[in-house]
N, C-alpha and C. Protein backbone atom coordinates (compact mmCIF):
# COMPACT_ATOMS: atom_id res chain seq x y z
N MET A 1 0.84 -1.17 0.00
CA MET A 1 0.00 0.00 0.00
C MET A 1 0.89 1.23 0.00
N GLU A 2 0.65 2.10 -0.95
CA GLU A 2 1.47 3.29 -1.04
C GLU A 2 0.57 4.52 -1.07
N ILE A 3 0.84 5.42 -0.15
CA ILE A 3 0.14 6.70 -0.12
C ILE A 3 1.20 7.77 -0.22
N THR A 4 1.09 8.62 -1.20
CA THR A 4 2.04 9.72 -1.35
C THR A 4 1.31 11.04 -1.19
N TRP A 5 2.06 12.08 -1.04
CA TRP A 5 1.48 13.41 -0.89
C TRP A 5 1.88 14.25 -2.09
N GLU A 6 0.96 15.04 -2.55
CA GLU A 6 1.19 15.91 -3.69
C GLU A 6 0.77 17.31 -3.27
N PHE A 7 1.54 18.31 -3.68
CA PHE A 7 1.19 19.68 -3.38
C PHE A 7 0.65 20.33 -4.64
N ASN A 8 -0.47 21.04 -4.51
CA ASN A 8 -1.03 21.71 -5.67
C ASN A 8 -0.61 23.18 -5.65
N VAL A 9 -1.19 23.98 -6.50
CA VAL A 9 -0.79 25.37 -6.67
C VAL A 9 -0.89 26.16 -5.37
N THR A 10 -1.88 25.87 -4.57
CA THR A 10 -2.07 26.63 -3.33
C THR A 10 -1.28 26.04 -2.16
N ASN A 11 -0.38 25.10 -2.44
CA ASN A 11 0.47 24.47 -1.43
C ASN A 11 -0.30 23.68 -0.38
N THR A 12 -1.47 23.17 -0.74
CA THR A 12 -2.19 22.30 0.18
C THR A 12 -1.86 20.86 -0.15
N LYS A 13 -1.84 20.03 0.87
CA LYS A 13 -1.49 18.62 0.68
C LYS A 13 -2.66 17.86 0.10
N ARG A 14 -2.34 16.91 -0.77
CA ARG A 14 -3.35 16.05 -1.36
C ARG A 14 -2.79 14.63 -1.37
N ARG A 15 -3.54 13.69 -0.81
CA ARG A 15 -3.06 12.31 -0.75
C ARG A 15 -3.27 11.64 -2.10
N ILE A 16 -2.30 10.83 -2.50
CA ILE A 16 -2.37 10.05 -3.73
C ILE A 16 -2.29 8.58 -3.33
N PHE A 17 -3.28 7.79 -3.74
CA PHE A 17 -3.33 6.37 -3.39
C PHE A 17 -2.99 5.53 -4.62
N ASP A 18 -2.23 4.46 -4.40
CA ASP A 18 -1.93 3.58 -5.54
C ASP A 18 -3.11 2.65 -5.81
N ALA A 19 -3.07 2.02 -6.98
CA ALA A 19 -4.19 1.20 -7.44
C ALA A 19 -4.46 0.02 -6.50
N SER A 20 -3.42 -0.58 -5.93
CA SER A 20 -3.62 -1.75 -5.06
C SER A 20 -4.38 -1.35 -3.79
N PHE A 21 -4.09 -0.18 -3.26
CA PHE A 21 -4.82 0.30 -2.08
C PHE A 21 -6.28 0.52 -2.41
N LYS A 22 -6.54 1.14 -3.55
CA LYS A 22 -7.92 1.39 -3.98
C LYS A 22 -8.69 0.08 -4.14
N LEU A 23 -8.03 -0.91 -4.74
CA LEU A 23 -8.68 -2.21 -4.91
C LEU A 23 -8.96 -2.87 -3.57
N GLN A 24 -8.06 -2.72 -2.61
CA GLN A 24 -8.29 -3.29 -1.28
C GLN A 24 -9.52 -2.67 -0.63
N ILE A 25 -9.67 -1.37 -0.76
CA ILE A 25 -10.83 -0.69 -0.19
C ILE A 25 -12.11 -1.17 -0.87
N VAL A 26 -12.08 -1.28 -2.19
CA VAL A 26 -13.25 -1.76 -2.94
C VAL A 26 -13.60 -3.18 -2.50
N GLN A 27 -12.61 -4.04 -2.35
CA GLN A 27 -12.85 -5.41 -1.93
C GLN A 27 -13.41 -5.49 -0.51
N MET A 28 -12.93 -4.60 0.38
CA MET A 28 -13.47 -4.58 1.75
C MET A 28 -14.95 -4.28 1.71
N ILE A 29 -15.34 -3.33 0.90
CA ILE A 29 -16.75 -2.95 0.82
C ILE A 29 -17.57 -4.06 0.18
N ARG A 30 -17.06 -4.62 -0.91
CA ARG A 30 -17.81 -5.65 -1.65
C ARG A 30 -17.89 -6.98 -0.91
N THR A 31 -16.78 -7.48 -0.41
CA THR A 31 -16.76 -8.83 0.15
C THR A 31 -17.23 -8.89 1.60
N HIS A 32 -16.94 -7.85 2.38
CA HIS A 32 -17.28 -7.88 3.79
C HIS A 32 -18.62 -7.20 4.09
N GLY A 33 -19.22 -6.63 3.06
CA GLY A 33 -20.52 -6.01 3.24
C GLY A 33 -20.50 -4.75 4.08
N LEU A 34 -19.35 -4.11 4.17
CA LEU A 34 -19.24 -2.87 4.93
C LEU A 34 -19.82 -1.72 4.12
N SER A 35 -20.33 -0.73 4.82
CA SER A 35 -20.86 0.43 4.10
C SER A 35 -19.72 1.38 3.75
N VAL A 36 -19.96 2.19 2.76
CA VAL A 36 -18.97 3.16 2.33
C VAL A 36 -18.66 4.12 3.47
N VAL A 37 -19.68 4.53 4.17
CA VAL A 37 -19.51 5.47 5.29
C VAL A 37 -18.61 4.87 6.37
N GLU A 38 -18.84 3.60 6.71
CA GLU A 38 -18.01 2.93 7.73
C GLU A 38 -16.55 2.89 7.32
N VAL A 39 -16.31 2.45 6.11
CA VAL A 39 -14.93 2.33 5.62
C VAL A 39 -14.26 3.70 5.56
N CYS A 40 -14.99 4.69 5.08
CA CYS A 40 -14.42 6.03 4.98
C CYS A 40 -14.07 6.59 6.36
N HIS A 41 -14.95 6.36 7.30
CA HIS A 41 -14.69 6.84 8.66
C HIS A 41 -13.49 6.12 9.28
N ASP A 42 -13.45 4.80 9.15
CA ASP A 42 -12.36 4.01 9.74
C ASP A 42 -11.01 4.30 9.08
N MET A 43 -11.01 4.50 7.78
CA MET A 43 -9.75 4.68 7.04
C MET A 43 -9.42 6.15 6.81
N LYS A 44 -10.27 7.04 7.30
CA LYS A 44 -10.09 8.48 7.13
C LYS A 44 -9.97 8.86 5.65
N LEU A 45 -10.96 8.40 4.89
CA LEU A 45 -11.02 8.66 3.46
C LEU A 45 -12.28 9.47 3.14
N GLY A 46 -12.26 10.14 2.02
CA GLY A 46 -13.43 10.88 1.58
C GLY A 46 -14.43 9.96 0.89
N GLU A 47 -15.69 10.17 1.16
CA GLU A 47 -16.73 9.32 0.56
C GLU A 47 -16.75 9.44 -0.96
N THR A 48 -16.55 10.64 -1.46
CA THR A 48 -16.61 10.85 -2.91
C THR A 48 -15.54 10.03 -3.62
N GLU A 49 -14.33 10.05 -3.09
CA GLU A 49 -13.26 9.31 -3.77
C GLU A 49 -13.51 7.80 -3.70
N VAL A 50 -14.01 7.31 -2.58
CA VAL A 50 -14.27 5.88 -2.45
C VAL A 50 -15.41 5.47 -3.40
N ARG A 51 -16.43 6.29 -3.48
CA ARG A 51 -17.52 5.99 -4.42
C ARG A 51 -17.03 6.02 -5.87
N ARG A 52 -16.09 6.89 -6.16
CA ARG A 52 -15.48 6.94 -7.49
C ARG A 52 -14.68 5.66 -7.76
N TRP A 53 -13.97 5.16 -6.74
CA TRP A 53 -13.22 3.91 -6.89
C TRP A 53 -14.17 2.75 -7.14
N LEU A 54 -15.30 2.74 -6.45
CA LEU A 54 -16.29 1.68 -6.65
C LEU A 54 -16.85 1.72 -8.06
N ALA A 55 -17.16 2.92 -8.55
CA ALA A 55 -17.67 3.06 -9.91
C ALA A 55 -16.62 2.63 -10.93
N GLN A 56 -15.37 2.97 -10.68
CA GLN A 56 -14.27 2.58 -11.57
C GLN A 56 -14.13 1.07 -11.59
N ALA A 57 -14.19 0.43 -10.43
CA ALA A 57 -14.07 -1.03 -10.35
C ALA A 57 -15.23 -1.71 -11.06
N ASP A 58 -16.44 -1.17 -10.90
CA ASP A 58 -17.61 -1.73 -11.59
C ASP A 58 -17.46 -1.63 -13.10
N ALA A 59 -17.01 -0.48 -13.57
CA ALA A 59 -16.82 -0.28 -15.02
C ALA A 59 -15.78 -1.25 -15.55
N GLU A 60 -14.67 -1.39 -14.84
CA GLU A 60 -13.60 -2.28 -15.29
C GLU A 60 -14.06 -3.73 -15.29
N GLN A 61 -14.89 -4.09 -14.33
CA GLN A 61 -15.40 -5.46 -14.27
C GLN A 61 -16.27 -5.76 -15.48
N LEU A 62 -16.94 -4.74 -16.00
CA LEU A 62 -17.78 -4.90 -17.19
C LEU A 62 -16.98 -4.76 -18.49
N GLY A 63 -15.66 -4.54 -18.35
CA GLY A 63 -14.81 -4.43 -19.53
C GLY A 63 -14.78 -3.03 -20.12
N GLN A 64 -15.33 -2.07 -19.41
CA GLN A 64 -15.31 -0.69 -19.88
C GLN A 64 -14.12 0.04 -19.27
N PRO A 65 -13.66 1.11 -19.91
CA PRO A 65 -12.50 1.80 -19.37
C PRO A 65 -12.77 2.57 -18.07
N GLY A 66 -14.00 3.03 -17.87
CA GLY A 66 -14.30 3.79 -16.67
C GLY A 66 -13.70 5.18 -16.73
N ILE A 67 -13.83 5.90 -15.64
CA ILE A 67 -13.32 7.27 -15.56
C ILE A 67 -12.18 7.27 -14.55
N GLY A 68 -11.12 7.95 -14.87
CA GLY A 68 -9.99 8.03 -13.95
C GLY A 68 -8.94 6.97 -14.25
N LYS A 69 -7.99 6.89 -13.34
CA LYS A 69 -6.89 5.94 -13.51
C LYS A 69 -7.41 4.51 -13.32
N PRO A 70 -6.96 3.59 -14.16
CA PRO A 70 -7.41 2.20 -14.03
C PRO A 70 -6.94 1.57 -12.72
N LEU A 71 -7.76 0.69 -12.19
CA LEU A 71 -7.43 0.03 -10.93
C LEU A 71 -6.78 -1.33 -11.16
N THR A 72 -7.27 -2.07 -12.13
CA THR A 72 -6.74 -3.41 -12.34
C THR A 72 -5.56 -3.38 -13.30
N GLY A 73 -4.70 -4.34 -13.15
CA GLY A 73 -3.54 -4.44 -14.03
C GLY A 73 -3.94 -4.60 -15.49
N GLU A 74 -5.03 -5.32 -15.70
CA GLU A 74 -5.52 -5.54 -17.06
C GLU A 74 -5.91 -4.21 -17.72
N GLN A 75 -6.66 -3.39 -17.00
CA GLN A 75 -7.08 -2.10 -17.55
C GLN A 75 -5.89 -1.15 -17.71
N GLN A 76 -4.93 -1.23 -16.80
CA GLN A 76 -3.72 -0.41 -16.93
C GLN A 76 -2.98 -0.78 -18.21
N ARG A 77 -2.88 -2.07 -18.48
CA ARG A 77 -2.20 -2.55 -19.69
C ARG A 77 -2.97 -2.13 -20.94
N ILE A 78 -4.30 -2.21 -20.89
CA ILE A 78 -5.11 -1.81 -22.03
C ILE A 78 -4.89 -0.33 -22.33
N ARG A 79 -4.89 0.50 -21.30
CA ARG A 79 -4.67 1.94 -21.52
C ARG A 79 -3.28 2.20 -22.08
N GLN A 80 -2.29 1.47 -21.60
CA GLN A 80 -0.93 1.63 -22.10
C GLN A 80 -0.87 1.26 -23.58
N LEU A 81 -1.49 0.14 -23.94
CA LEU A 81 -1.48 -0.30 -25.33
C LEU A 81 -2.26 0.66 -26.23
N GLU A 82 -3.36 1.22 -25.72
CA GLU A 82 -4.12 2.19 -26.50
C GLU A 82 -3.29 3.44 -26.77
N ALA A 83 -2.55 3.90 -25.77
CA ALA A 83 -1.69 5.07 -25.95
C ALA A 83 -0.58 4.76 -26.96
N GLU A 84 -0.01 3.59 -26.86
CA GLU A 84 1.03 3.18 -27.81
C GLU A 84 0.46 3.09 -29.22
N ASN A 85 -0.74 2.58 -29.33
CA ASN A 85 -1.41 2.46 -30.63
C ASN A 85 -1.64 3.84 -31.24
N ARG A 86 -2.10 4.80 -30.43
CA ARG A 86 -2.29 6.17 -30.92
C ARG A 86 -0.98 6.76 -31.42
N GLN A 87 0.09 6.53 -30.66
CA GLN A 87 1.40 7.05 -31.04
C GLN A 87 1.86 6.44 -32.36
N LEU A 88 1.68 5.14 -32.50
CA LEU A 88 2.11 4.47 -33.73
C LEU A 88 1.29 4.92 -34.93
N ARG A 89 -0.01 5.13 -34.75
CA ARG A 89 -0.84 5.63 -35.85
C ARG A 89 -0.38 7.02 -36.28
N GLY A 90 -0.02 7.85 -35.31
CA GLY A 90 0.51 9.17 -35.63
C GLY A 90 1.81 9.08 -36.39
N ASP A 91 2.67 8.15 -35.97
CA ASP A 91 3.94 7.95 -36.67
C ASP A 91 3.72 7.50 -38.11
N VAL A 92 2.76 6.61 -38.32
CA VAL A 92 2.45 6.13 -39.67
C VAL A 92 1.97 7.29 -40.53
N GLU A 93 1.10 8.15 -39.99
CA GLU A 93 0.61 9.30 -40.75
C GLU A 93 1.76 10.23 -41.13
N THR A 94 2.67 10.45 -40.21
CA THR A 94 3.84 11.30 -40.48
C THR A 94 4.68 10.69 -41.59
N LEU A 95 4.91 9.39 -41.53
CA LEU A 95 5.70 8.73 -42.56
C LEU A 95 5.02 8.77 -43.91
N LYS A 96 3.69 8.65 -43.94
CA LYS A 96 2.95 8.74 -45.20
C LYS A 96 3.13 10.12 -45.82
N LYS A 97 3.01 11.15 -45.00
CA LYS A 97 3.17 12.52 -45.50
C LYS A 97 4.59 12.76 -45.99
N ALA A 98 5.57 12.24 -45.26
CA ALA A 98 6.96 12.42 -45.66
C ALA A 98 7.24 11.69 -46.97
N SER A 99 6.72 10.47 -47.12
CA SER A 99 6.98 9.73 -48.36
C SER A 99 6.29 10.41 -49.54
N ALA A 100 5.09 10.97 -49.32
CA ALA A 100 4.42 11.71 -50.40
C ALA A 100 5.22 12.94 -50.78
N TYR A 101 5.78 13.63 -49.80
CA TYR A 101 6.58 14.82 -50.07
C TYR A 101 7.82 14.45 -50.88
N PHE A 102 8.52 13.42 -50.47
CA PHE A 102 9.74 13.02 -51.18
C PHE A 102 9.43 12.45 -52.56
N ALA A 103 8.31 11.80 -52.71
CA ALA A 103 7.91 11.28 -54.03
C ALA A 103 7.71 12.45 -54.99
N ARG A 104 7.12 13.54 -54.54
CA ARG A 104 6.94 14.73 -55.39
C ARG A 104 8.27 15.38 -55.73
N GLU A 105 9.18 15.39 -54.78
CA GLU A 105 10.50 15.99 -55.00
C GLU A 105 11.31 15.23 -56.04
N LEU A 106 11.12 13.93 -56.12
CA LEU A 106 11.90 13.11 -57.06
C LEU A 106 11.39 13.23 -58.49
N ARG A 107 10.20 13.74 -58.73
CA ARG A 107 9.64 13.86 -60.06
C ARG A 107 10.25 14.96 -60.84
């Protein structure tokens, strides 16, 4: 479990939770039947963020990307591959334009 602190423009602290911690919280709520309010109070977490984690986990379970950073390793890998795919498509377009330019120059 990793919790880091991030400072924003106004120099206020903001906690950053890693995906494994978020999944543990989601599993506590789902498997043990605890309420969101109980878990938030016990773990000193905000209800909004925990409810967002639950919605993200539900979306990922249905195979959808969800909103926010992926929680499961599978969704993290999918997002990584999608970003790589976008980059490669952009590279292909650039190469097509360059080859068309050089083909005109050789005429």
